[in-house]
Amino acid sequence: MAKKSKKQQAGGTPATVALTAADVPYTVHAYEHDPAHPSYGEEAAEAMGVSPDRVFKTLVADVDGALVVAVVPVAGSLDLKALATAVGGKRAAMADPAAAERTTGYVRGGISPLGQRKKLPTVLDASAAAHTTICVSAGRRGLEVELSPSDLTDLTEAVCAPIGRA
């Protein structure tokens, strides 16, 4: 994976700026976003020619009144009960989209686990460990960043747990 120069960093998203500042190797994948596509994550996997089990979506949930980030494969769905358990909570529901956007600083379909306006507790699905690299949103629709799951875990201080369902 190529590291981005300071010049490339200047025009990046908060996610790519955070990766560059942390000196983490990553690759950016840009594609033409189709607003009519029914799934942002599946669209990304198709556009990049990457298996959907390596492309992860970033979801924001409300666990016992606190926002939590869940990062799961686009090929599956989020197990809200497993997410609550992973963070020591009792009950989880999907967060209000406006609250997720306001808190993270990103728009729905482009929320990245990296470079968020307010750092939220993050849980990465355990299946990520099976891959050398995974792709997550780089902070806007049509832009993904590929990096190692361990780098993502380190940068977000994520807990790894089985929170995805096939």
C-alpha atoms as a PDB file:
ATOM      1  CA  MET A   1       0.000   0.000   0.000  1.00  0.00           C
ATOM      2  CA  ALA A   2       1.186   3.462  -0.800  1.00  0.00           C
ATOM      3  CA  LYS A   3       1.585   6.169   1.776  1.00  0.00           C
ATOM      4  CA  LYS A   4       0.173   9.524   0.833  1.00  0.00           C
ATOM      5  CA  SER A   5       2.352  12.605   0.640  1.00  0.00           C
ATOM      6  CA  LYS A   6       1.679  15.795   2.611  1.00  0.00           C
ATOM      7  CA  LYS A   7       0.405  17.384  -0.596  1.00  0.00           C
ATOM      8  CA  GLN A   8      -2.161  14.590  -1.049  1.00  0.00           C
ATOM      9  CA  GLN A   9      -3.080  14.901   2.630  1.00  0.00           C
ATOM     10  CA  ALA A  10      -4.027  18.554   2.217  1.00  0.00           C
ATOM     11  CA  GLY A  11      -6.891  17.713  -0.167  1.00  0.00           C
ATOM     12  CA  GLY A  12      -8.033  14.673   1.769  1.00  0.00           C
ATOM     13  CA  THR A  13     -10.880  13.932   4.097  1.00  0.00           C
ATOM     14  CA  PRO A  14     -10.546  13.945   7.888  1.00  0.00           C
ATOM     15  CA  ALA A  15     -10.113  10.149   7.627  1.00  0.00           C
ATOM     16  CA  THR A  16      -7.174  10.323   5.202  1.00  0.00           C
ATOM     17  CA  VAL A  17      -5.647  13.225   7.108  1.00  0.00           C
ATOM     18  CA  ALA A  18      -5.790  11.115  10.295  1.00  0.00           C
ATOM     19  CA  LEU A  19      -4.177   8.150   8.538  1.00  0.00           C
ATOM     20  CA  THR A  20      -1.389  10.298   7.117  1.00  0.00           C
ATOM     21  CA  ALA A  21      -0.784  12.010  10.470  1.00  0.00           C
ATOM     22  CA  ALA A  22      -0.510   8.578  12.120  1.00  0.00           C
ATOM     23  CA  ASP A  23       1.973   7.466   9.417  1.00  0.00           C
ATOM     24  CA  VAL A  24      -0.191   4.437   8.607  1.00  0.00           C
ATOM     25  CA  PRO A  25       0.068   2.842   5.161  1.00  0.00           C
ATOM     26  CA  TYR A  26      -3.197   2.976   3.221  1.00  0.00           C
ATOM     27  CA  THR A  27      -4.606   3.065  -0.289  1.00  0.00           C
ATOM     28  CA  VAL A  28      -7.467   5.268  -1.441  1.00  0.00           C
ATOM     29  CA  HIS A  29     -10.025   3.855  -3.871  1.00  0.00           C
ATOM     30  CA  ALA A  30     -12.294   6.364  -5.615  1.00  0.00           C
ATOM     31  CA  TYR A  31     -15.289   5.433  -7.725  1.00  0.00           C
ATOM     32  CA  GLU A  32     -18.287   7.164  -9.244  1.00  0.00           C
ATOM     33  CA  HIS A  33     -21.087   7.013  -6.668  1.00  0.00           C
ATOM     34  CA  ASP A  34     -24.546   6.184  -8.031  1.00  0.00           C
ATOM     35  CA  PRO A  35     -27.202   7.772  -5.772  1.00  0.00           C
ATOM     36  CA  ALA A  36     -29.757   5.258  -7.097  1.00  0.00           C
ATOM     37  CA  HIS A  37     -27.771   2.220  -5.888  1.00  0.00           C
ATOM     38  CA  PRO A  38     -29.648   0.483  -3.058  1.00  0.00           C
ATOM     39  CA  SER A  39     -26.538  -0.237  -0.945  1.00  0.00           C
ATOM     40  CA  TYR A  40     -23.537   2.072  -0.491  1.00  0.00           C
ATOM     41  CA  GLY A  41     -21.335  -0.804   0.684  1.00  0.00           C
ATOM     42  CA  GLU A  42     -22.264  -3.246  -2.062  1.00  0.00           C
ATOM     43  CA  GLU A  43     -21.800  -0.460  -4.592  1.00  0.00           C
ATOM     44  CA  ALA A  44     -18.278   0.127  -3.249  1.00  0.00           C
ATOM     45  CA  ALA A  45     -17.394  -3.580  -3.419  1.00  0.00           C
ATOM     46  CA  GLU A  46     -18.671  -3.846  -6.994  1.00  0.00           C
ATOM     47  CA  ALA A  47     -16.967  -0.643  -8.143  1.00  0.00           C
ATOM     48  CA  MET A  48     -13.608  -1.639  -6.636  1.00  0.00           C
ATOM     49  CA  GLY A  49     -13.846  -5.301  -7.683  1.00  0.00           C
ATOM     50  CA  VAL A  50     -13.301  -6.339  -4.055  1.00  0.00           C
ATOM     51  CA  SER A  51     -15.057  -9.194  -2.269  1.00  0.00           C
ATOM     52  CA  PRO A  52     -17.930  -7.827  -0.108  1.00  0.00           C
ATOM     53  CA  ASP A  53     -16.480  -9.641   2.928  1.00  0.00           C
ATOM     54  CA  ARG A  54     -13.452  -7.281   2.743  1.00  0.00           C
ATOM     55  CA  VAL A  55     -15.504  -4.092   2.450  1.00  0.00           C
ATOM     56  CA  PHE A  56     -16.820  -2.881   5.808  1.00  0.00           C
ATOM     57  CA  LYS A  57     -19.608  -0.416   6.484  1.00  0.00           C
ATOM     58  CA  THR A  58     -19.562   2.029   9.368  1.00  0.00           C
ATOM     59  CA  LEU A  59     -22.796   2.182  11.326  1.00  0.00           C
ATOM     60  CA  VAL A  60     -23.651   4.331  14.325  1.00  0.00           C
ATOM     61  CA  ALA A  61     -25.838   2.842  17.038  1.00  0.00           C
ATOM     62  CA  ASP A  62     -27.249   4.032  20.318  1.00  0.00           C
ATOM     63  CA  VAL A  63     -26.265   1.731  23.177  1.00  0.00           C
ATOM     64  CA  ASP A  64     -27.994   2.603  26.439  1.00  0.00           C
ATOM     65  CA  GLY A  65     -28.149   6.274  25.433  1.00  0.00           C
ATOM     66  CA  ALA A  66     -24.568   6.587  24.128  1.00  0.00           C
ATOM     67  CA  LEU A  67     -23.454   6.560  20.491  1.00  0.00           C
ATOM     68  CA  VAL A  68     -21.195   3.689  19.422  1.00  0.00           C
ATOM     69  CA  VAL A  69     -19.597   2.950  16.043  1.00  0.00           C
ATOM     70  CA  ALA A  70     -19.959  -0.536  14.570  1.00  0.00           C
ATOM     71  CA  VAL A  71     -17.804  -1.632  11.621  1.00  0.00           C
ATOM     72  CA  VAL A  72     -19.183  -4.737   9.880  1.00  0.00           C
ATOM     73  CA  PRO A  73     -18.877  -6.407   6.456  1.00  0.00           C
ATOM     74  CA  VAL A  74     -21.215  -4.964   3.817  1.00  0.00           C
ATOM     75  CA  ALA A  75     -22.217  -8.519   2.918  1.00  0.00           C
ATOM     76  CA  GLY A  76     -24.041  -8.904   6.232  1.00  0.00           C
ATOM     77  CA  SER A  77     -25.819  -6.942   8.902  1.00  0.00           C
ATOM     78  CA  LEU A  78     -25.185  -5.672  12.403  1.00  0.00           C
ATOM     79  CA  ASP A  79     -26.233  -7.798  15.377  1.00  0.00           C
ATOM     80  CA  LEU A  80     -27.399  -5.057  17.748  1.00  0.00           C
ATOM     81  CA  LYS A  81     -27.529  -7.379  20.767  1.00  0.00           C
ATOM     82  CA  ALA A  82     -23.924  -8.504  20.140  1.00  0.00           C
ATOM     83  CA  LEU A  83     -22.861  -4.852  19.782  1.00  0.00           C
ATOM     84  CA  ALA A  84     -24.443  -3.953  23.117  1.00  0.00           C
ATOM     85  CA  THR A  85     -22.692  -6.903  24.762  1.00  0.00           C
ATOM     86  CA  ALA A  86     -19.339  -5.927  23.198  1.00  0.00           C
ATOM     87  CA  VAL A  87     -19.433  -2.512  24.891  1.00  0.00           C
ATOM     88  CA  GLY A  88     -20.924  -3.704  28.176  1.00  0.00           C
ATOM     89  CA  GLY A  89     -24.384  -2.385  27.400  1.00  0.00           C
ATOM     90  CA  LYS A  90     -27.847  -3.859  27.616  1.00  0.00           C
ATOM     91  CA  ARG A  91     -29.793  -2.448  24.687  1.00  0.00           C
ATOM     92  CA  ALA A  92     -28.802  -1.156  21.256  1.00  0.00           C
ATOM     93  CA  ALA A  93     -30.714   0.457  18.414  1.00  0.00           C
ATOM     94  CA  MET A  94     -29.620   2.220  15.272  1.00  0.00           C
ATOM     95  CA  ALA A  95     -28.824   5.874  16.005  1.00  0.00           C
ATOM     96  CA  ASP A  96     -30.855   8.712  14.609  1.00  0.00           C
ATOM     97  CA  PRO A  97     -29.186   9.516  11.244  1.00  0.00           C
ATOM     98  CA  ALA A  98     -29.032  13.254  12.018  1.00  0.00           C
ATOM     99  CA  ALA A  99     -27.328  12.563  15.361  1.00  0.00           C
ATOM    100  CA  ALA A 100     -24.846  10.211  13.658  1.00  0.00           C
ATOM    101  CA  GLU A 101     -24.001  12.833  11.036  1.00  0.00           C
ATOM    102  CA  ARG A 102     -23.739  15.677  13.538  1.00  0.00           C
ATOM    103  CA  THR A 103     -21.526  13.691  15.924  1.00  0.00           C
ATOM    104  CA  THR A 104     -19.191  12.131  13.358  1.00  0.00           C
ATOM    105  CA  GLY A 105     -19.012  15.075  10.959  1.00  0.00           C
ATOM    106  CA  TYR A 106     -19.764  12.807   8.005  1.00  0.00           C
ATOM    107  CA  VAL A 107     -22.892  12.257   5.883  1.00  0.00           C
ATOM    108  CA  ARG A 108     -24.776   8.971   5.890  1.00  0.00           C
ATOM    109  CA  GLY A 109     -23.245   6.597   3.358  1.00  0.00           C
ATOM    110  CA  GLY A 110     -19.880   8.271   3.878  1.00  0.00           C
ATOM    111  CA  ILE A 111     -19.340   7.862   7.624  1.00  0.00           C
ATOM    112  CA  SER A 112     -15.800   6.723   8.302  1.00  0.00           C
ATOM    113  CA  PRO A 113     -14.591   5.131  11.515  1.00  0.00           C
ATOM    114  CA  LEU A 114     -11.550   7.433  11.206  1.00  0.00           C
ATOM    115  CA  GLY A 115     -11.235  11.183  11.703  1.00  0.00           C
ATOM    116  CA  GLN A 116     -14.623  11.668  13.314  1.00  0.00           C
ATOM    117  CA  ARG A 117     -15.559  15.039  14.788  1.00  0.00           C
ATOM    118  CA  LYS A 118     -16.141  13.362  18.160  1.00  0.00           C
ATOM    119  CA  LYS A 119     -14.299  10.109  18.810  1.00  0.00           C
ATOM    120  CA  LEU A 120     -16.842   7.426  19.621  1.00  0.00           C
ATOM    121  CA  PRO A 121     -16.326   3.953  21.106  1.00  0.00           C
ATOM    122  CA  THR A 122     -15.785   1.620  18.154  1.00  0.00           C
ATOM    123  CA  VAL A 123     -16.351  -2.106  17.661  1.00  0.00           C
ATOM    124  CA  LEU A 124     -14.844  -3.884  14.639  1.00  0.00           C
ATOM    125  CA  ASP A 125     -16.377  -7.190  13.606  1.00  0.00           C
ATOM    126  CA  ALA A 126     -14.036 -10.081  14.413  1.00  0.00           C
ATOM    127  CA  SER A 127     -14.184 -11.305  10.794  1.00  0.00           C
ATOM    128  CA  ALA A 128     -11.840  -8.456   9.816  1.00  0.00           C
ATOM    129  CA  ALA A 129      -8.931 -10.383  11.339  1.00  0.00           C
ATOM    130  CA  ALA A 130      -9.213 -12.967   8.536  1.00  0.00           C
ATOM    131  CA  HIS A 131      -8.027 -10.392   5.978  1.00  0.00           C
ATOM    132  CA  THR A 132      -4.666  -8.735   5.350  1.00  0.00           C
ATOM    133  CA  THR A 133      -6.473  -5.524   4.417  1.00  0.00           C
ATOM    134  CA  ILE A 134     -10.049  -4.280   4.569  1.00  0.00           C
ATOM    135  CA  CYS A 135     -11.799  -1.289   3.021  1.00  0.00           C
ATOM    136  CA  VAL A 136     -13.808   1.293   4.968  1.00  0.00           C
ATOM    137  CA  SER A 137     -15.284   4.626   4.001  1.00  0.00           C
ATOM    138  CA  ALA A 138     -12.709   7.374   3.585  1.00  0.00           C
ATOM    139  CA  GLY A 139     -15.255   9.980   4.607  1.00  0.00           C
ATOM    140  CA  ARG A 140     -17.495  10.520   1.615  1.00  0.00           C
ATOM    141  CA  ARG A 141     -19.606   8.515  -0.777  1.00  0.00           C
ATOM    142  CA  GLY A 142     -17.502   7.117  -3.602  1.00  0.00           C
ATOM    143  CA  LEU A 143     -14.262   7.089  -1.602  1.00  0.00           C
ATOM    144  CA  GLU A 144     -12.882   4.105   0.308  1.00  0.00           C
ATOM    145  CA  VAL A 145      -9.633   3.580   2.163  1.00  0.00           C
ATOM    146  CA  GLU A 146      -7.870   0.213   2.338  1.00  0.00           C
ATOM    147  CA  LEU A 147      -5.762  -0.568   5.398  1.00  0.00           C
ATOM    148  CA  SER A 148      -4.888  -3.410   7.725  1.00  0.00           C
ATOM    149  CA  PRO A 149      -7.494  -4.357  10.336  1.00  0.00           C
ATOM    150  CA  SER A 150      -4.866  -3.999  13.061  1.00  0.00           C
ATOM    151  CA  ASP A 151      -4.094  -0.403  12.001  1.00  0.00           C
ATOM    152  CA  LEU A 152      -7.816   0.402  12.015  1.00  0.00           C
ATOM    153  CA  THR A 153      -8.149  -1.155  15.479  1.00  0.00           C
ATOM    154  CA  ASP A 154      -5.174   0.792  16.800  1.00  0.00           C
ATOM    155  CA  LEU A 155      -6.263   4.154  15.375  1.00  0.00           C
ATOM    156  CA  THR A 156      -9.868   3.892  16.547  1.00  0.00           C
ATOM    157  CA  GLU A 157      -9.022   2.062  19.788  1.00  0.00           C
ATOM    158  CA  ALA A 158     -11.644  -0.456  18.663  1.00  0.00           C
ATOM    159  CA  VAL A 159     -12.790  -3.568  20.435  1.00  0.00           C
ATOM    160  CA  CYS A 160     -12.921  -6.595  18.142  1.00  0.00           C
ATOM    161  CA  ALA A 161     -15.997  -8.763  18.629  1.00  0.00           C
ATOM    162  CA  PRO A 162     -18.371 -10.913  16.549  1.00  0.00           C
ATOM    163  CA  ILE A 163     -21.001  -8.236  15.874  1.00  0.00           C
ATOM    164  CA  GLY A 164     -21.861  -9.063  12.256  1.00  0.00           C
ATOM    165  CA  ARG A 165     -24.439 -11.465  10.903  1.00  0.00           C
ATOM    166  CA  ALA A 166     -24.154 -13.114   7.501  1.00  0.00           C
END
